[in-house]
Amino acid sequence: MYSKIAGMVFPAFTMLTLTVLSMFGAFGEGDINKSFFLIGLTIIFPLTFFVQGTSCALNKINPLIALIVSYIAYAVVLITLLDQSYWRFAIYYLVFWLVGFFGIKAIQKWRNRNK
């Protein structure tokens, strides 16, 4: 039960935590916070979507609900800090999620076929 909840909210928690820490200057002074946020936007957020995709496949979590939770958190980040041009990252994150989800599904099918 807890693994399903954690699998659904992992990207949302990561995105919101990194955003709040960047907003309050937890990483240092000046442009350092901005660079940490940009690293999160381009590297950490996609990896969390990948982990969520694999978690959904392994724990049999409803993929639609997991994606909705994550994209709501991304919309909150987008509205508070970014302009509307960053919606293109949503497709980038979806690709990582799909690779994680269908990669695990393919591995599971391959293992079942070999048994």
PDB file of N, CA and C in Angstrom:
ATOM      1  N   MET A   1       0.825  -1.195   0.000  1.00  0.00           N
ATOM      2  CA  MET A   1       0.000   0.000   0.000  1.00  0.00           C
ATOM      3  C   MET A   1       0.862   1.249   0.000  1.00  0.00           C
ATOM      4  N   TYR A   2       1.859   1.288   0.913  1.00  0.00           N
ATOM      5  CA  TYR A   2       2.692   2.479   0.997  1.00  0.00           C
ATOM      6  C   TYR A   2       3.573   2.643  -0.243  1.00  0.00           C
ATOM      7  N   SER A   3       3.969   1.534  -0.863  1.00  0.00           N
ATOM      8  CA  SER A   3       4.783   1.641  -2.065  1.00  0.00           C
ATOM      9  C   SER A   3       3.963   2.219  -3.222  1.00  0.00           C
ATOM     10  N   LYS A   4       2.674   1.937  -3.244  1.00  0.00           N
ATOM     11  CA  LYS A   4       1.825   2.515  -4.284  1.00  0.00           C
ATOM     12  C   LYS A   4       1.668   4.014  -4.096  1.00  0.00           C
ATOM     13  N   ILE A   5       1.465   4.441  -2.862  1.00  0.00           N
ATOM     14  CA  ILE A   5       1.330   5.875  -2.594  1.00  0.00           C
ATOM     15  C   ILE A   5       2.644   6.583  -2.884  1.00  0.00           C
ATOM     16  N   ALA A   6       3.746   6.001  -2.453  1.00  0.00           N
ATOM     17  CA  ALA A   6       5.057   6.598  -2.711  1.00  0.00           C
ATOM     18  C   ALA A   6       5.338   6.661  -4.204  1.00  0.00           C
ATOM     19  N   GLY A   7       4.943   5.644  -4.942  1.00  0.00           N
ATOM     20  CA  GLY A   7       5.148   5.640  -6.392  1.00  0.00           C
ATOM     21  C   GLY A   7       4.339   6.714  -7.098  1.00  0.00           C
ATOM     22  N   MET A   8       3.182   7.035  -6.546  1.00  0.00           N
ATOM     23  CA  MET A   8       2.344   8.061  -7.175  1.00  0.00           C
ATOM     24  C   MET A   8       2.823   9.474  -6.876  1.00  0.00           C
ATOM     25  N   VAL A   9       3.332   9.716  -5.679  1.00  0.00           N
ATOM     26  CA  VAL A   9       3.661  11.088  -5.290  1.00  0.00           C
ATOM     27  C   VAL A   9       5.154  11.402  -5.338  1.00  0.00           C
ATOM     28  N   PHE A  10       5.996  10.445  -5.717  1.00  0.00           N
ATOM     29  CA  PHE A  10       7.434  10.679  -5.716  1.00  0.00           C
ATOM     30  C   PHE A  10       7.853  11.865  -6.584  1.00  0.00           C
ATOM     31  N   PRO A  11       7.461  11.942  -7.854  1.00  0.00           N
ATOM     32  CA  PRO A  11       7.859  13.116  -8.639  1.00  0.00           C
ATOM     33  C   PRO A  11       7.263  14.414  -8.118  1.00  0.00           C
ATOM     34  N   ALA A  12       6.023  14.360  -7.674  1.00  0.00           N
ATOM     35  CA  ALA A  12       5.381  15.574  -7.158  1.00  0.00           C
ATOM     36  C   ALA A  12       6.127  16.086  -5.936  1.00  0.00           C
ATOM     37  N   PHE A  13       6.455  15.198  -5.018  1.00  0.00           N
ATOM     38  CA  PHE A  13       7.187  15.588  -3.815  1.00  0.00           C
ATOM     39  C   PHE A  13       8.565  16.149  -4.171  1.00  0.00           C
ATOM     40  N   THR A  14       9.255  15.493  -5.093  1.00  0.00           N
ATOM     41  CA  THR A  14      10.584  15.947  -5.495  1.00  0.00           C
ATOM     42  C   THR A  14      10.518  17.319  -6.159  1.00  0.00           C
ATOM     43  N   MET A  15       9.583  17.503  -7.076  1.00  0.00           N
ATOM     44  CA  MET A  15       9.473  18.790  -7.771  1.00  0.00           C
ATOM     45  C   MET A  15       9.136  19.918  -6.802  1.00  0.00           C
ATOM     46  N   LEU A  16       8.172  19.694  -5.953  1.00  0.00           N
ATOM     47  CA  LEU A  16       7.756  20.744  -5.029  1.00  0.00           C
ATOM     48  C   LEU A  16       8.842  21.044  -3.990  1.00  0.00           C
ATOM     49  N   THR A  17       9.531  20.021  -3.521  1.00  0.00           N
ATOM     50  CA  THR A  17      10.598  20.237  -2.548  1.00  0.00           C
ATOM     51  C   THR A  17      11.747  21.028  -3.156  1.00  0.00           C
ATOM     52  N   LEU A  18      12.191  20.638  -4.340  1.00  0.00           N
ATOM     53  CA  LEU A  18      13.280  21.357  -4.996  1.00  0.00           C
ATOM     54  C   LEU A  18      12.888  22.793  -5.316  1.00  0.00           C
ATOM     55  N   THR A  19      11.657  23.010  -5.697  1.00  0.00           N
ATOM     56  CA  THR A  19      11.178  24.353  -5.997  1.00  0.00           C
ATOM     57  C   THR A  19      11.162  25.227  -4.749  1.00  0.00           C
ATOM     58  N   VAL A  20      10.645  24.690  -3.665  1.00  0.00           N
ATOM     59  CA  VAL A  20      10.588  25.466  -2.426  1.00  0.00           C
ATOM     60  C   VAL A  20      11.991  25.768  -1.912  1.00  0.00           C
ATOM     61  N   LEU A  21      12.881  24.790  -1.969  1.00  0.00           N
ATOM     62  CA  LEU A  21      14.253  25.028  -1.526  1.00  0.00           C
ATOM     63  C   LEU A  21      14.944  26.077  -2.393  1.00  0.00           C
ATOM     64  N   SER A  22      14.687  26.060  -3.678  1.00  0.00           N
ATOM     65  CA  SER A  22      15.271  27.064  -4.570  1.00  0.00           C
ATOM     66  C   SER A  22      14.686  28.446  -4.311  1.00  0.00           C
ATOM     67  N   MET A  23      13.397  28.512  -4.049  1.00  0.00           N
ATOM     68  CA  MET A  23      12.752  29.808  -3.803  1.00  0.00           C
ATOM     69  C   MET A  23      13.269  30.466  -2.529  1.00  0.00           C
ATOM     70  N   PHE A  24      13.545  29.673  -1.505  1.00  0.00           N
ATOM     71  CA  PHE A  24      13.974  30.226  -0.230  1.00  0.00           C
ATOM     72  C   PHE A  24      15.488  30.312  -0.083  1.00  0.00           C
ATOM     73  N   GLY A  25      16.225  30.023  -1.138  1.00  0.00           N
ATOM     74  CA  GLY A  25      17.667  30.196  -1.115  1.00  0.00           C
ATOM     75  C   GLY A  25      18.416  29.175  -0.295  1.00  0.00           C
ATOM     76  N   ALA A  26      17.971  27.960  -0.269  1.00  0.00           N
ATOM     77  CA  ALA A  26      18.605  26.931   0.545  1.00  0.00           C
ATOM     78  C   ALA A  26      19.942  26.459  -0.023  1.00  0.00           C
ATOM     79  N   PHE A  27      20.185  26.703  -1.308  1.00  0.00           N
ATOM     80  CA  PHE A  27      21.404  26.213  -1.938  1.00  0.00           C
ATOM     81  C   PHE A  27      22.528  27.241  -1.952  1.00  0.00           C
ATOM     82  N   GLY A  28      22.265  28.446  -1.529  1.00  0.00           N
ATOM     83  CA  GLY A  28      23.296  29.473  -1.509  1.00  0.00           C
ATOM     84  C   GLY A  28      22.757  30.802  -1.998  1.00  0.00           C
ATOM     85  N   GLU A  29      23.658  31.704  -2.245  1.00  0.00           N
ATOM     86  CA  GLU A  29      23.293  33.055  -2.659  1.00  0.00           C
ATOM     87  C   GLU A  29      23.316  33.208  -4.175  1.00  0.00           C
ATOM     88  N   GLY A  30      22.507  34.121  -4.667  1.00  0.00           N
ATOM     89  CA  GLY A  30      22.552  34.524  -6.064  1.00  0.00           C
ATOM     90  C   GLY A  30      22.043  33.496  -7.050  1.00  0.00           C
ATOM     91  N   ASP A  31      22.831  33.314  -8.098  1.00  0.00           N
ATOM     92  CA  ASP A  31      22.424  32.453  -9.212  1.00  0.00           C
ATOM     93  C   ASP A  31      22.577  30.966  -8.927  1.00  0.00           C
ATOM     94  N   ILE A  32      23.125  30.613  -7.797  1.00  0.00           N
ATOM     95  CA  ILE A  32      23.300  29.200  -7.464  1.00  0.00           C
ATOM     96  C   ILE A  32      21.943  28.516  -7.334  1.00  0.00           C
ATOM     97  N   ASN A  33      20.986  29.168  -6.714  1.00  0.00           N
ATOM     98  CA  ASN A  33      19.642  28.596  -6.586  1.00  0.00           C
ATOM     99  C   ASN A  33      19.003  28.394  -7.945  1.00  0.00           C
ATOM    100  N   LYS A  34      19.203  29.361  -8.822  1.00  0.00           N
ATOM    101  CA  LYS A  34      18.636  29.250 -10.169  1.00  0.00           C
ATOM    102  C   LYS A  34      19.265  28.071 -10.915  1.00  0.00           C
ATOM    103  N   SER A  35      20.572  27.887 -10.764  1.00  0.00           N
ATOM    104  CA  SER A  35      21.222  26.779 -11.462  1.00  0.00           C
ATOM    105  C   SER A  35      20.774  25.432 -10.903  1.00  0.00           C
ATOM    106  N   PHE A  36      20.576  25.333  -9.586  1.00  0.00           N
ATOM    107  CA  PHE A  36      20.055  24.088  -9.022  1.00  0.00           C
ATOM    108  C   PHE A  36      18.647  23.804  -9.530  1.00  0.00           C
ATOM    109  N   PHE A  37      17.848  24.842  -9.647  1.00  0.00           N
ATOM    110  CA  PHE A  37      16.500  24.642 -10.162  1.00  0.00           C
ATOM    111  C   PHE A  37      16.535  24.203 -11.623  1.00  0.00           C
ATOM    112  N   LEU A  38      17.422  24.779 -12.416  1.00  0.00           N
ATOM    113  CA  LEU A  38      17.529  24.385 -13.828  1.00  0.00           C
ATOM    114  C   LEU A  38      18.058  22.966 -13.976  1.00  0.00           C
ATOM    115  N   ILE A  39      18.969  22.574 -13.109  1.00  0.00           N
ATOM    116  CA  ILE A  39      19.435  21.181 -13.104  1.00  0.00           C
ATOM    117  C   ILE A  39      18.279  20.251 -12.749  1.00  0.00           C
ATOM    118  N   GLY A  40      17.487  20.655 -11.789  1.00  0.00           N
ATOM    119  CA  GLY A  40      16.312  19.859 -11.442  1.00  0.00           C
ATOM    120  C   GLY A  40      15.336  19.755 -12.584  1.00  0.00           C
ATOM    121  N   LEU A  41      15.143  20.866 -13.275  1.00  0.00           N
ATOM    122  CA  LEU A  41      14.189  20.907 -14.384  1.00  0.00           C
ATOM    123  C   LEU A  41      14.615  20.021 -15.543  1.00  0.00           C
ATOM    124  N   THR A  42      15.919  19.937 -15.803  1.00  0.00           N
ATOM    125  CA  THR A  42      16.386  19.187 -16.967  1.00  0.00           C
ATOM    126  C   THR A  42      16.886  17.783 -16.662  1.00  0.00           C
ATOM    127  N   ILE A  43      17.286  17.520 -15.413  1.00  0.00           N
ATOM    128  CA  ILE A  43      17.851  16.200 -15.084  1.00  0.00           C
ATOM    129  C   ILE A  43      17.058  15.482 -14.001  1.00  0.00           C
ATOM    130  N   ILE A  44      16.830  16.145 -12.873  1.00  0.00           N
ATOM    131  CA  ILE A  44      16.216  15.465 -11.724  1.00  0.00           C
ATOM    132  C   ILE A  44      14.741  15.154 -11.969  1.00  0.00           C
ATOM    133  N   PHE A  45      13.975  16.104 -12.489  1.00  0.00           N
ATOM    134  CA  PHE A  45      12.551  15.870 -12.734  1.00  0.00           C
ATOM    135  C   PHE A  45      12.326  14.724 -13.725  1.00  0.00           C
ATOM    136  N   PRO A  46      13.056  14.671 -14.863  1.00  0.00           N
ATOM    137  CA  PRO A  46      12.844  13.517 -15.757  1.00  0.00           C
ATOM    138  C   PRO A  46      13.200  12.189 -15.110  1.00  0.00           C
ATOM    139  N   LEU A  47      14.240  12.176 -14.302  1.00  0.00           N
ATOM    140  CA  LEU A  47      14.599  10.928 -13.631  1.00  0.00           C
ATOM    141  C   LEU A  47      13.527  10.490 -12.644  1.00  0.00           C
ATOM    142  N   THR A  48      12.891  11.446 -11.982  1.00  0.00           N
ATOM    143  CA  THR A  48      11.808  11.069 -11.073  1.00  0.00           C
ATOM    144  C   THR A  48      10.608  10.530 -11.843  1.00  0.00           C
ATOM    145  N   PHE A  49      10.346  11.077 -13.022  1.00  0.00           N
ATOM    146  CA  PHE A  49       9.270  10.530 -13.853  1.00  0.00           C
ATOM    147  C   PHE A  49       9.627   9.121 -14.317  1.00  0.00           C
ATOM    148  N   PHE A  50      10.886   8.886 -14.635  1.00  0.00           N
ATOM    149  CA  PHE A  50      11.337   7.551 -15.022  1.00  0.00           C
ATOM    150  C   PHE A  50      11.123   6.563 -13.878  1.00  0.00           C
ATOM    151  N   VAL A  51      11.519   6.974 -12.671  1.00  0.00           N
ATOM    152  CA  VAL A  51      11.335   6.125 -11.492  1.00  0.00           C
ATOM    153  C   VAL A  51       9.847   5.867 -11.253  1.00  0.00           C
ATOM    154  N   GLN A  52       9.019   6.890 -11.458  1.00  0.00           N
ATOM    155  CA  GLN A  52       7.591   6.698 -11.274  1.00  0.00           C
ATOM    156  C   GLN A  52       7.029   5.727 -12.308  1.00  0.00           C
ATOM    157  N   GLY A  53       7.492   5.813 -13.533  1.00  0.00           N
ATOM    158  CA  GLY A  53       7.036   4.873 -14.563  1.00  0.00           C
ATOM    159  C   GLY A  53       7.395   3.442 -14.224  1.00  0.00           C
ATOM    160  N   THR A  54       8.630   3.225 -13.753  1.00  0.00           N
ATOM    161  CA  THR A  54       9.021   1.875 -13.361  1.00  0.00           C
ATOM    162  C   THR A  54       8.247   1.412 -12.132  1.00  0.00           C
ATOM    163  N   SER A  55       8.010   2.322 -11.204  1.00  0.00           N
ATOM    164  CA  SER A  55       7.241   1.982 -10.006  1.00  0.00           C
ATOM    165  C   SER A  55       5.802   1.613 -10.360  1.00  0.00           C
ATOM    166  N   CYS A  56       5.221   2.345 -11.305  1.00  0.00           N
ATOM    167  CA  CYS A  56       3.850   2.029 -11.737  1.00  0.00           C
ATOM    168  C   CYS A  56       3.780   0.644 -12.350  1.00  0.00           C
ATOM    169  N   ALA A  57       4.775   0.296 -13.143  1.00  0.00           N
ATOM    170  CA  ALA A  57       4.769  -1.020 -13.783  1.00  0.00           C
ATOM    171  C   ALA A  57       5.004  -2.133 -12.773  1.00  0.00           C
ATOM    172  N   LEU A  58       5.912  -1.921 -11.834  1.00  0.00           N
ATOM    173  CA  LEU A  58       6.239  -2.973 -10.878  1.00  0.00           C
ATOM    174  C   LEU A  58       5.169  -3.160  -9.810  1.00  0.00           C
ATOM    175  N   ASN A  59       4.569  -2.065  -9.355  1.00  0.00           N
ATOM    176  CA  ASN A  59       3.600  -2.134  -8.262  1.00  0.00           C
ATOM    177  C   ASN A  59       2.150  -2.131  -8.728  1.00  0.00           C
ATOM    178  N   LYS A  60       1.943  -2.193 -10.031  1.00  0.00           N
ATOM    179  CA  LYS A  60       0.600  -2.200 -10.619  1.00  0.00           C
ATOM    180  C   LYS A  60      -0.228  -0.993 -10.151  1.00  0.00           C
ATOM    181  N   ILE A  61       0.377   0.185 -10.266  1.00  0.00           N
ATOM    182  CA  ILE A  61      -0.281   1.445  -9.932  1.00  0.00           C
ATOM    183  C   ILE A  61      -1.001   1.937 -11.179  1.00  0.00           C
ATOM    184  N   ASN A  62      -2.153   2.545 -10.991  1.00  0.00           N
ATOM    185  CA  ASN A  62      -2.889   3.120 -12.114  1.00  0.00           C
ATOM    186  C   ASN A  62      -2.042   4.231 -12.734  1.00  0.00           C
ATOM    187  N   PRO A  63      -1.602   4.067 -13.991  1.00  0.00           N
ATOM    188  CA  PRO A  63      -0.709   5.049 -14.601  1.00  0.00           C
ATOM    189  C   PRO A  63      -1.356   6.411 -14.795  1.00  0.00           C
ATOM    190  N   LEU A  64      -2.625   6.444 -15.067  1.00  0.00           N
ATOM    191  CA  LEU A  64      -3.301   7.718 -15.300  1.00  0.00           C
ATOM    192  C   LEU A  64      -3.325   8.571 -14.028  1.00  0.00           C
ATOM    193  N   ILE A  65      -3.638   7.958 -12.914  1.00  0.00           N
ATOM    194  CA  ILE A  65      -3.675   8.699 -11.646  1.00  0.00           C
ATOM    195  C   ILE A  65      -2.277   9.193 -11.278  1.00  0.00           C
ATOM    196  N   ALA A  66      -1.272   8.342 -11.462  1.00  0.00           N
ATOM    197  CA  ALA A  66       0.103   8.742 -11.140  1.00  0.00           C
ATOM    198  C   ALA A  66       0.547   9.923 -11.999  1.00  0.00           C
ATOM    199  N   LEU A  67       0.249   9.886 -13.288  1.00  0.00           N
ATOM    200  CA  LEU A  67       0.631  10.992 -14.165  1.00  0.00           C
ATOM    201  C   LEU A  67      -0.133  12.270 -13.838  1.00  0.00           C
ATOM    202  N   ILE A  68      -1.395  12.144 -13.494  1.00  0.00           N
ATOM    203  CA  ILE A  68      -2.183  13.336 -13.144  1.00  0.00           C
ATOM    204  C   ILE A  68      -1.604  14.006 -11.900  1.00  0.00           C
ATOM    205  N   VAL A  69      -1.247  13.219 -10.891  1.00  0.00           N
ATOM    206  CA  VAL A  69      -0.657  13.784  -9.675  1.00  0.00           C
ATOM    207  C   VAL A  69       0.645  14.509 -10.005  1.00  0.00           C
ATOM    208  N   SER A  70       1.473  13.893 -10.818  1.00  0.00           N
ATOM    209  CA  SER A  70       2.760  14.502 -11.170  1.00  0.00           C
ATOM    210  C   SER A  70       2.586  15.769 -12.000  1.00  0.00           C
ATOM    211  N   TYR A  71       1.677  15.744 -12.950  1.00  0.00           N
ATOM    212  CA  TYR A  71       1.487  16.919 -13.790  1.00  0.00           C
ATOM    213  C   TYR A  71       0.791  18.059 -13.048  1.00  0.00           C
ATOM    214  N   ILE A  72       0.002  17.753 -12.048  1.00  0.00           N
ATOM    215  CA  ILE A  72      -0.564  18.820 -11.207  1.00  0.00           C
ATOM    216  C   ILE A  72       0.562  19.514 -10.447  1.00  0.00           C
ATOM    217  N   ALA A  73       1.491  18.732  -9.912  1.00  0.00           N
ATOM    218  CA  ALA A  73       2.639  19.331  -9.210  1.00  0.00           C
ATOM    219  C   ALA A  73       3.481  20.156 -10.174  1.00  0.00           C
ATOM    220  N   TYR A  74       3.681  19.657 -11.387  1.00  0.00           N
ATOM    221  CA  TYR A  74       4.444  20.421 -12.376  1.00  0.00           C
ATOM    222  C   TYR A  74       3.711  21.701 -12.755  1.00  0.00           C
ATOM    223  N   ALA A  75       2.398  21.656 -12.838  1.00  0.00           N
ATOM    224  CA  ALA A  75       1.622  22.870 -13.138  1.00  0.00           C
ATOM    225  C   ALA A  75       1.777  23.901 -12.023  1.00  0.00           C
ATOM    226  N   VAL A  76       1.832  23.449 -10.776  1.00  0.00           N
ATOM    227  CA  VAL A  76       2.052  24.367  -9.656  1.00  0.00           C
ATOM    228  C   VAL A  76       3.421  25.027  -9.778  1.00  0.00           C
ATOM    229  N   VAL A  77       4.436  24.230 -10.101  1.00  0.00           N
ATOM    230  CA  VAL A  77       5.780  24.786 -10.294  1.00  0.00           C
ATOM    231  C   VAL A  77       5.782  25.754 -11.464  1.00  0.00           C
ATOM    232  N   LEU A  78       5.121  25.390 -12.526  1.00  0.00           N
ATOM    233  CA  LEU A  78       5.063  26.215 -13.733  1.00  0.00           C
ATOM    234  C   LEU A  78       4.387  27.549 -13.461  1.00  0.00           C
ATOM    235  N   ILE A  79       3.310  27.518 -12.722  1.00  0.00           N
ATOM    236  CA  ILE A  79       2.567  28.748 -12.435  1.00  0.00           C
ATOM    237  C   ILE A  79       3.354  29.649 -11.482  1.00  0.00           C
ATOM    238  N   THR A  80       4.032  29.060 -10.507  1.00  0.00           N
ATOM    239  CA  THR A  80       4.707  29.888  -9.508  1.00  0.00           C
ATOM    240  C   THR A  80       6.040  30.455  -9.984  1.00  0.00           C
ATOM    241  N   LEU A  81       6.803  29.692 -10.754  1.00  0.00           N
ATOM    242  CA  LEU A  81       8.147  30.133 -11.084  1.00  0.00           C
ATOM    243  C   LEU A  81       8.437  30.361 -12.556  1.00  0.00           C
ATOM    244  N   LEU A  82       7.752  29.680 -13.414  1.00  0.00           N
ATOM    245  CA  LEU A  82       8.142  29.683 -14.816  1.00  0.00           C
ATOM    246  C   LEU A  82       7.092  30.376 -15.674  1.00  0.00           C
ATOM    247  N   ASP A  83       7.456  30.613 -16.926  1.00  0.00           N
ATOM    248  CA  ASP A  83       6.461  31.116 -17.857  1.00  0.00           C
ATOM    249  C   ASP A  83       5.876  29.939 -18.633  1.00  0.00           C
ATOM    250  N   GLN A  84       4.910  30.212 -19.447  1.00  0.00           N
ATOM    251  CA  GLN A  84       4.159  29.146 -20.108  1.00  0.00           C
ATOM    252  C   GLN A  84       4.962  28.398 -21.173  1.00  0.00           C
ATOM    253  N   SER A  85       6.131  28.892 -21.546  1.00  0.00           N
ATOM    254  CA  SER A  85       6.923  28.200 -22.557  1.00  0.00           C
ATOM    255  C   SER A  85       7.525  26.891 -22.034  1.00  0.00           C
ATOM    256  N   TYR A  86       7.503  26.687 -20.742  1.00  0.00           N
ATOM    257  CA  TYR A  86       8.078  25.477 -20.174  1.00  0.00           C
ATOM    258  C   TYR A  86       7.133  24.292 -20.221  1.00  0.00           C
ATOM    259  N   TRP A  87       5.971  24.424 -20.841  1.00  0.00           N
ATOM    260  CA  TRP A  87       5.074  23.277 -21.008  1.00  0.00           C
ATOM    261  C   TRP A  87       5.702  22.225 -21.900  1.00  0.00           C
ATOM    262  N   ARG A  88       6.673  22.634 -22.728  1.00  0.00           N
ATOM    263  CA  ARG A  88       7.320  21.645 -23.608  1.00  0.00           C
ATOM    264  C   ARG A  88       8.079  20.602 -22.791  1.00  0.00           C
ATOM    265  N   PHE A  89       8.502  20.964 -21.582  1.00  0.00           N
ATOM    266  CA  PHE A  89       9.165  19.994 -20.726  1.00  0.00           C
ATOM    267  C   PHE A  89       8.209  18.885 -20.303  1.00  0.00           C
ATOM    268  N   ALA A  90       6.928  19.144 -20.310  1.00  0.00           N
ATOM    269  CA  ALA A  90       5.951  18.124 -19.930  1.00  0.00           C
ATOM    270  C   ALA A  90       6.028  16.927 -20.881  1.00  0.00           C
ATOM    271  N   ILE A  91       6.272  17.182 -22.146  1.00  0.00           N
ATOM    272  CA  ILE A  91       6.420  16.088 -23.115  1.00  0.00           C
ATOM    273  C   ILE A  91       7.725  15.339 -22.861  1.00  0.00           C
ATOM    274  N   TYR A  92       8.768  16.073 -22.546  1.00  0.00           N
ATOM    275  CA  TYR A  92      10.070  15.493 -22.202  1.00  0.00           C
ATOM    276  C   TYR A  92       9.929  14.555 -21.006  1.00  0.00           C
ATOM    277  N   TYR A  93       9.199  14.973 -19.988  1.00  0.00           N
ATOM    278  CA  TYR A  93       8.980  14.141 -18.809  1.00  0.00           C
ATOM    279  C   TYR A  93       8.126  12.921 -19.139  1.00  0.00           C
ATOM    280  N   LEU A  94       7.135  13.116 -19.993  1.00  0.00           N
ATOM    281  CA  LEU A  94       6.276  11.996 -20.384  1.00  0.00           C
ATOM    282  C   LEU A  94       7.084  10.919 -21.116  1.00  0.00           C
ATOM    283  N   VAL A  95       8.024  11.320 -21.942  1.00  0.00           N
ATOM    284  CA  VAL A  95       8.869  10.352 -22.646  1.00  0.00           C
ATOM    285  C   VAL A  95       9.662   9.518 -21.644  1.00  0.00           C
ATOM    286  N   PHE A  96      10.229  10.158 -20.639  1.00  0.00           N
ATOM    287  CA  PHE A  96      10.966   9.418 -19.616  1.00  0.00           C
ATOM    288  C   PHE A  96      10.042   8.470 -18.860  1.00  0.00           C
ATOM    289  N   TRP A  97       8.832   8.922 -18.550  1.00  0.00           N
ATOM    290  CA  TRP A  97       7.878   8.075 -17.845  1.00  0.00           C
ATOM    291  C   TRP A  97       7.519   6.860 -18.705  1.00  0.00           C
ATOM    292  N   LEU A  98       7.260   7.095 -19.979  1.00  0.00           N
ATOM    293  CA  LEU A  98       6.898   5.999 -20.881  1.00  0.00           C
ATOM    294  C   LEU A  98       8.033   5.001 -21.043  1.00  0.00           C
ATOM    295  N   VAL A  99       9.263   5.482 -21.120  1.00  0.00           N
ATOM    296  CA  VAL A  99      10.414   4.576 -21.228  1.00  0.00           C
ATOM    297  C   VAL A  99      10.503   3.705 -19.979  1.00  0.00           C
ATOM    298  N   GLY A 100      10.319   4.292 -18.812  1.00  0.00           N
ATOM    299  CA  GLY A 100      10.355   3.514 -17.578  1.00  0.00           C
ATOM    300  C   GLY A 100       9.227   2.499 -17.505  1.00  0.00           C
ATOM    301  N   PHE A 101       8.018   2.944 -17.816  1.00  0.00           N
ATOM    302  CA  PHE A 101       6.843   2.072 -17.703  1.00  0.00           C
ATOM    303  C   PHE A 101       6.904   0.928 -18.705  1.00  0.00           C
ATOM    304  N   PHE A 102       7.069   1.252 -19.986  1.00  0.00           N
ATOM    305  CA  PHE A 102       7.050   0.206 -20.997  1.00  0.00           C
ATOM    306  C   PHE A 102       8.345  -0.598 -21.025  1.00  0.00           C
ATOM    307  N   GLY A 103       9.442  -0.038 -20.530  1.00  0.00           N
ATOM    308  CA  GLY A 103      10.668  -0.822 -20.399  1.00  0.00           C
ATOM    309  C   GLY A 103      10.486  -1.949 -19.397  1.00  0.00           C
ATOM    310  N   ILE A 104       9.895  -1.637 -18.259  1.00  0.00           N
ATOM    311  CA  ILE A 104       9.634  -2.671 -17.248  1.00  0.00           C
ATOM    312  C   ILE A 104       8.601  -3.675 -17.757  1.00  0.00           C
ATOM    313  N   LYS A 105       7.566  -3.192 -18.432  1.00  0.00           N
ATOM    314  CA  LYS A 105       6.562  -4.114 -18.990  1.00  0.00           C
ATOM    315  C   LYS A 105       7.204  -5.071 -19.992  1.00  0.00           C
ATOM    316  N   ALA A 106       8.110  -4.568 -20.830  1.00  0.00           N
ATOM    317  CA  ALA A 106       8.791  -5.420 -21.805  1.00  0.00           C
ATOM    318  C   ALA A 106       9.685  -6.440 -21.108  1.00  0.00           C
ATOM    319  N   ILE A 107      10.379  -6.028 -20.075  1.00  0.00           N
ATOM    320  CA  ILE A 107      11.232  -6.965 -19.326  1.00  0.00           C
ATOM    321  C   ILE A 107      10.378  -8.033 -18.656  1.00  0.00           C
ATOM    322  N   GLN A 108       9.232  -7.633 -18.097  1.00  0.00           N
ATOM    323  CA  GLN A 108       8.342  -8.608 -17.464  1.00  0.00           C
ATOM    324  C   GLN A 108       7.811  -9.608 -18.484  1.00  0.00           C
ATOM    325  N   LYS A 109       7.426  -9.142 -19.675  1.00  0.00           N
ATOM    326  CA  LYS A 109       6.947 -10.056 -20.724  1.00  0.00           C
ATOM    327  C   LYS A 109       8.052 -11.001 -21.161  1.00  0.00           C
ATOM    328  N   TRP A 110       9.259 -10.476 -21.293  1.00  0.00           N
ATOM    329  CA  TRP A 110      10.389 -11.285 -21.721  1.00  0.00           C
ATOM    330  C   TRP A 110      10.686 -12.371 -20.688  1.00  0.00           C
ATOM    331  N   ARG A 111      10.631 -12.011 -19.401  1.00  0.00           N
ATOM    332  CA  ARG A 111      10.873 -12.997 -18.354  1.00  0.00           C
ATOM    333  C   ARG A 111       9.786 -14.068 -18.318  1.00  0.00           C
ATOM    334  N   ASN A 112       8.530 -13.659 -18.496  1.00  0.00           N
ATOM    335  CA  ASN A 112       7.426 -14.619 -18.502  1.00  0.00           C
ATOM    336  C   ASN A 112       7.501 -15.540 -19.708  1.00  0.00           C
ATOM    337  N   ARG A 113       7.963 -15.015 -20.831  1.00  0.00           N
ATOM    338  CA  ARG A 113       8.070 -15.826 -22.036  1.00  0.00           C
ATOM    339  C   ARG A 113       9.176 -16.868 -21.884  1.00  0.00           C
ATOM    340  N   ASN A 114      10.246 -16.507 -21.201  1.00  0.00           N
ATOM    341  CA  ASN A 114      11.361 -17.436 -21.020  1.00  0.00           C
ATOM    342  C   ASN A 114      11.071 -18.518 -19.978  1.00  0.00           C
ATOM    343  N   LYS A 115      10.048 -18.338 -19.162  1.00  0.00           N
ATOM    344  CA  LYS A 115       9.720 -19.355 -18.148  1.00  0.00           C
ATOM    345  C   LYS A 115       8.917 -20.411 -18.744  1.00  0.00           C
TER     346      LYS A 115
END
